């Protein structure tokens, strides 16, 4: 049985206008509003494909009719959520535009079953790290368009390990930005202390 999920996007830094949409990636669900559709003659570009817990996660980008950059993230058979951004203000709050979210399977109220971080990095960002509650720093790779994504496997989440901070560094290793990743509601985590 196919199940659609509402994917909630939360912008790091400034509160951004984001739009969550439920739809099966197979195209059987409702399409996004016209303002969030690709401009005529524009085909979406796929980025950051990864398979986690047997599901393919991917990001797609395209330009809409208003000239905005649209960024949608989702998993096969699950759902998709996204936003369209004015190109002139994508990095107005800093060198990384990050979105994150999580979801649970029906009946599970004690742990997350899925958690993800994705977004866009400005070209001067040479290194991205996602720091977890167990103090492990997971390196993230932005592609040539600046798109990045990381999905945490259920086994890690069920062990109480969650994403906590997204750190961007320049080529010298200097920190350009550090953003908190806060999943809501807060569930029990494995916290090894202050990760410096």
Protein backbone atom coordinates (compact mmCIF):
# COMPACT_ATOMS: atom_id res chain seq x y z
CA UNK A 1 0.00 0.00 0.00
CA UNK A 2 1.46 3.35 -1.02
CA UNK A 3 1.45 5.99 1.68
CA UNK A 4 1.96 9.71 1.14
CA UNK A 5 3.71 11.78 3.79
CA UNK A 6 3.60 15.47 4.47
CA UNK A 7 7.17 16.66 4.35
CA UNK A 8 7.63 19.79 6.40
CA UNK A 9 10.44 22.12 5.44
CA UNK A 10 12.10 24.37 7.96
CA UNK A 11 14.54 26.97 6.72
CA UNK A 12 17.78 27.46 8.61
CA UNK A 13 18.56 31.05 9.51
CA UNK A 14 15.70 33.30 8.47
CA UNK A 15 12.21 31.91 8.36
CA UNK A 16 11.68 31.29 4.67
CA UNK A 17 8.46 30.81 2.84
CA UNK A 18 8.48 27.09 2.25
CA UNK A 19 5.81 24.88 0.87
CA UNK A 20 5.22 21.26 1.83
CA UNK A 21 3.25 19.21 -0.59
CA UNK A 22 2.05 15.64 -0.33
CA UNK A 23 2.31 13.64 -3.47
CA UNK A 24 3.68 10.35 -4.59
CA UNK A 25 6.80 10.69 -6.69
CA UNK A 26 5.14 8.36 -9.16
CA UNK A 27 3.02 11.33 -10.21
CA UNK A 28 -0.25 9.86 -8.97
CA UNK A 29 -0.76 12.54 -6.34
CA UNK A 30 -1.77 16.17 -6.76
CA UNK A 31 0.71 18.43 -8.53
CA UNK A 32 2.14 21.53 -6.84
CA UNK A 33 0.37 24.86 -7.52
CA UNK A 34 1.05 26.47 -10.91
CA UNK A 35 3.51 28.97 -9.37
CA UNK A 36 5.66 26.02 -8.28
CA UNK A 37 5.61 24.21 -11.63
CA UNK A 38 8.59 24.27 -14.03
CA UNK A 39 8.55 27.07 -16.58
CA UNK A 40 7.37 25.96 -20.02
CA UNK A 41 10.17 24.13 -21.80
CA UNK A 42 12.12 23.63 -18.57
CA UNK A 43 12.95 20.13 -17.36
CA UNK A 44 13.86 19.43 -13.72
CA UNK A 45 17.46 18.49 -12.93
CA UNK A 46 18.01 15.67 -10.41
CA UNK A 47 20.71 16.01 -7.74
CA UNK A 48 22.09 14.24 -4.68
CA UNK A 49 20.53 10.83 -5.31
CA UNK A 50 21.06 8.41 -2.46
CA UNK A 51 19.46 5.19 -1.25
CA UNK A 52 18.69 4.93 2.47
CA UNK A 53 16.68 2.10 4.02
CA UNK A 54 15.76 0.82 0.56
CA UNK A 55 14.29 4.12 -0.69
CA UNK A 56 15.84 6.47 -3.22
CA UNK A 57 16.00 10.07 -2.00
CA UNK A 58 16.65 12.87 -4.46
CA UNK A 59 16.56 16.61 -4.98
CA UNK A 60 15.19 18.20 -8.12
CA UNK A 61 15.69 21.79 -9.20
CA UNK A 62 14.17 23.87 -11.96
CA UNK A 63 13.17 27.42 -12.81
CA UNK A 64 9.50 28.39 -12.57
CA UNK A 65 7.70 30.90 -14.82
CA UNK A 66 8.61 33.75 -12.42
CA UNK A 67 12.33 32.99 -12.81
CA UNK A 68 12.67 31.59 -9.28
CA UNK A 69 14.81 28.58 -8.47
CA UNK A 70 12.60 25.75 -7.25
CA UNK A 71 14.09 23.07 -5.02
CA UNK A 72 12.13 19.90 -4.19
CA UNK A 73 13.23 16.92 -2.10
CA UNK A 74 11.61 13.54 -1.68
CA UNK A 75 11.86 9.77 -1.53
CA UNK A 76 10.46 7.15 -3.88
CA UNK A 77 7.01 6.06 -2.75
CA UNK A 78 6.93 8.57 0.12
CA UNK A 79 6.38 12.19 -0.74
CA UNK A 80 7.97 15.39 -1.88
CA UNK A 81 8.28 18.89 -0.46
CA UNK A 82 9.84 22.03 -1.77
CA UNK A 83 10.04 25.74 -2.19
CA UNK A 84 10.72 28.32 -4.89
CA UNK A 85 13.25 31.04 -4.10
CA UNK A 86 14.12 34.41 -5.59
CA UNK A 87 17.65 33.98 -6.92
CA UNK A 88 18.74 37.38 -5.58
CA UNK A 89 17.98 36.45 -1.97
CA UNK A 90 18.86 32.74 -1.74
CA UNK A 91 21.97 33.45 0.34
CA UNK A 92 20.83 36.68 2.01
CA UNK A 93 20.92 35.04 5.47
CA UNK A 94 24.29 33.32 4.97
CA UNK A 95 26.28 30.98 2.72
CA UNK A 96 24.01 27.96 3.24
CA UNK A 97 20.28 27.69 2.65
CA UNK A 98 19.30 24.57 4.61
CA UNK A 99 16.05 22.71 5.08
CA UNK A 100 15.45 19.76 7.35
CA UNK A 101 12.66 17.51 8.46
CA UNK A 102 11.67 14.17 9.88
CA UNK A 103 8.75 11.77 10.00
CA UNK A 104 7.51 8.68 11.80
CA UNK A 105 5.74 5.53 10.79
CA UNK A 106 2.16 5.16 12.08
CA UNK A 107 2.10 4.05 15.71
CA UNK A 108 5.72 5.04 16.41
CA UNK A 109 5.79 7.86 18.94
CA UNK A 110 9.16 7.17 20.55
CA UNK A 111 11.68 7.67 17.70
CA UNK A 112 12.02 9.19 14.25
CA UNK A 113 11.93 6.79 11.28
CA UNK A 114 13.27 9.30 8.77
CA UNK A 115 15.29 12.51 9.13
CA UNK A 116 16.95 14.57 6.43
CA UNK A 117 18.89 17.76 5.75
CA UNK A 118 19.20 19.31 2.31
CA UNK A 119 19.72 22.64 0.62
CA UNK A 120 22.05 24.90 -1.31
CA UNK A 121 25.59 26.02 -0.51
CA UNK A 122 27.21 29.20 -1.85
CA UNK A 123 30.30 28.55 -4.01
CA UNK A 124 32.75 29.77 -1.30
CA UNK A 125 31.62 26.89 0.96
CA UNK A 126 34.40 24.31 0.58
CA UNK A 127 33.29 21.91 3.32
CA UNK A 128 29.94 21.05 4.88
CA UNK A 129 29.55 18.90 8.00
CA UNK A 130 26.45 17.63 9.74
CA UNK A 131 27.20 17.15 13.43
CA UNK A 132 25.11 14.47 15.12
CA UNK A 133 24.08 14.21 18.78
CA UNK A 134 26.80 11.55 19.27
CA UNK A 135 29.37 14.19 18.17
CA UNK A 136 30.17 12.48 14.87
CA UNK A 137 30.70 15.03 12.06
CA UNK A 138 29.31 13.62 8.79
CA UNK A 139 30.85 15.27 5.70
CA UNK A 140 28.27 16.43 3.14
CA UNK A 141 29.09 16.94 -0.53
CA UNK A 142 27.51 19.79 -2.48
CA UNK A 143 27.41 19.20 -6.23
CA UNK A 144 28.45 21.72 -8.91
CA UNK A 145 25.09 23.51 -8.50
CA UNK A 146 25.60 23.75 -4.72
CA UNK A 147 22.88 21.18 -3.93
CA UNK A 148 23.46 18.84 -0.98
CA UNK A 149 21.45 16.24 0.93
CA UNK A 150 21.90 13.80 3.80
CA UNK A 151 19.33 11.26 5.01
CA UNK A 152 19.83 9.44 8.31
CA UNK A 153 19.02 5.71 8.39
CA UNK A 154 16.30 4.45 10.72
CA UNK A 155 18.74 2.30 12.73
CA UNK A 156 20.73 5.39 13.71
CA UNK A 157 17.60 7.36 14.55
CA UNK A 158 16.16 4.47 16.58
CA UNK A 159 19.42 4.47 18.57
CA UNK A 160 18.65 8.10 19.52
CA UNK A 161 21.22 9.72 17.22
CA UNK A 162 19.86 12.87 15.53
CA UNK A 163 21.29 15.75 13.48
CA UNK A 164 22.12 18.76 15.62
CA UNK A 165 24.28 21.28 13.70
CA UNK A 166 25.17 22.03 10.08
CA UNK A 167 28.61 23.65 9.78
CA UNK A 168 29.95 25.34 6.62
CA UNK A 169 33.68 26.08 6.22
CA UNK A 170 35.75 27.89 3.61
CA UNK A 171 38.85 26.48 1.91
CA UNK A 172 41.05 27.45 4.89
CA UNK A 173 38.78 25.61 7.35
CA UNK A 174 37.35 28.81 8.86
CA UNK A 175 33.71 28.53 9.88
CA UNK A 176 31.41 30.51 7.59
CA UNK A 177 28.19 29.47 9.31
CA UNK A 178 26.84 27.11 11.93
CA UNK A 179 23.11 26.34 11.96
CA UNK A 180 21.15 24.36 14.52
CA UNK A 181 19.01 21.50 13.24
CA UNK A 182 16.04 21.06 15.56
CA UNK A 183 13.53 18.35 14.84
CA UNK A 184 10.13 18.90 16.40
CA UNK A 185 8.82 17.42 18.57
CA UNK A 186 11.98 16.69 20.50
CA UNK A 187 12.40 12.98 21.10
CA UNK A 188 14.94 11.20 23.33
CA UNK A 189 18.46 11.31 21.88
CA UNK A 190 21.90 9.92 22.51
CA UNK A 191 23.88 13.00 23.55
CA UNK A 192 27.56 12.54 24.22
CA UNK A 193 27.96 16.00 25.66
CA UNK A 194 29.07 19.32 24.16
CA UNK A 195 30.42 18.66 20.67
CA UNK A 196 33.09 21.29 20.05
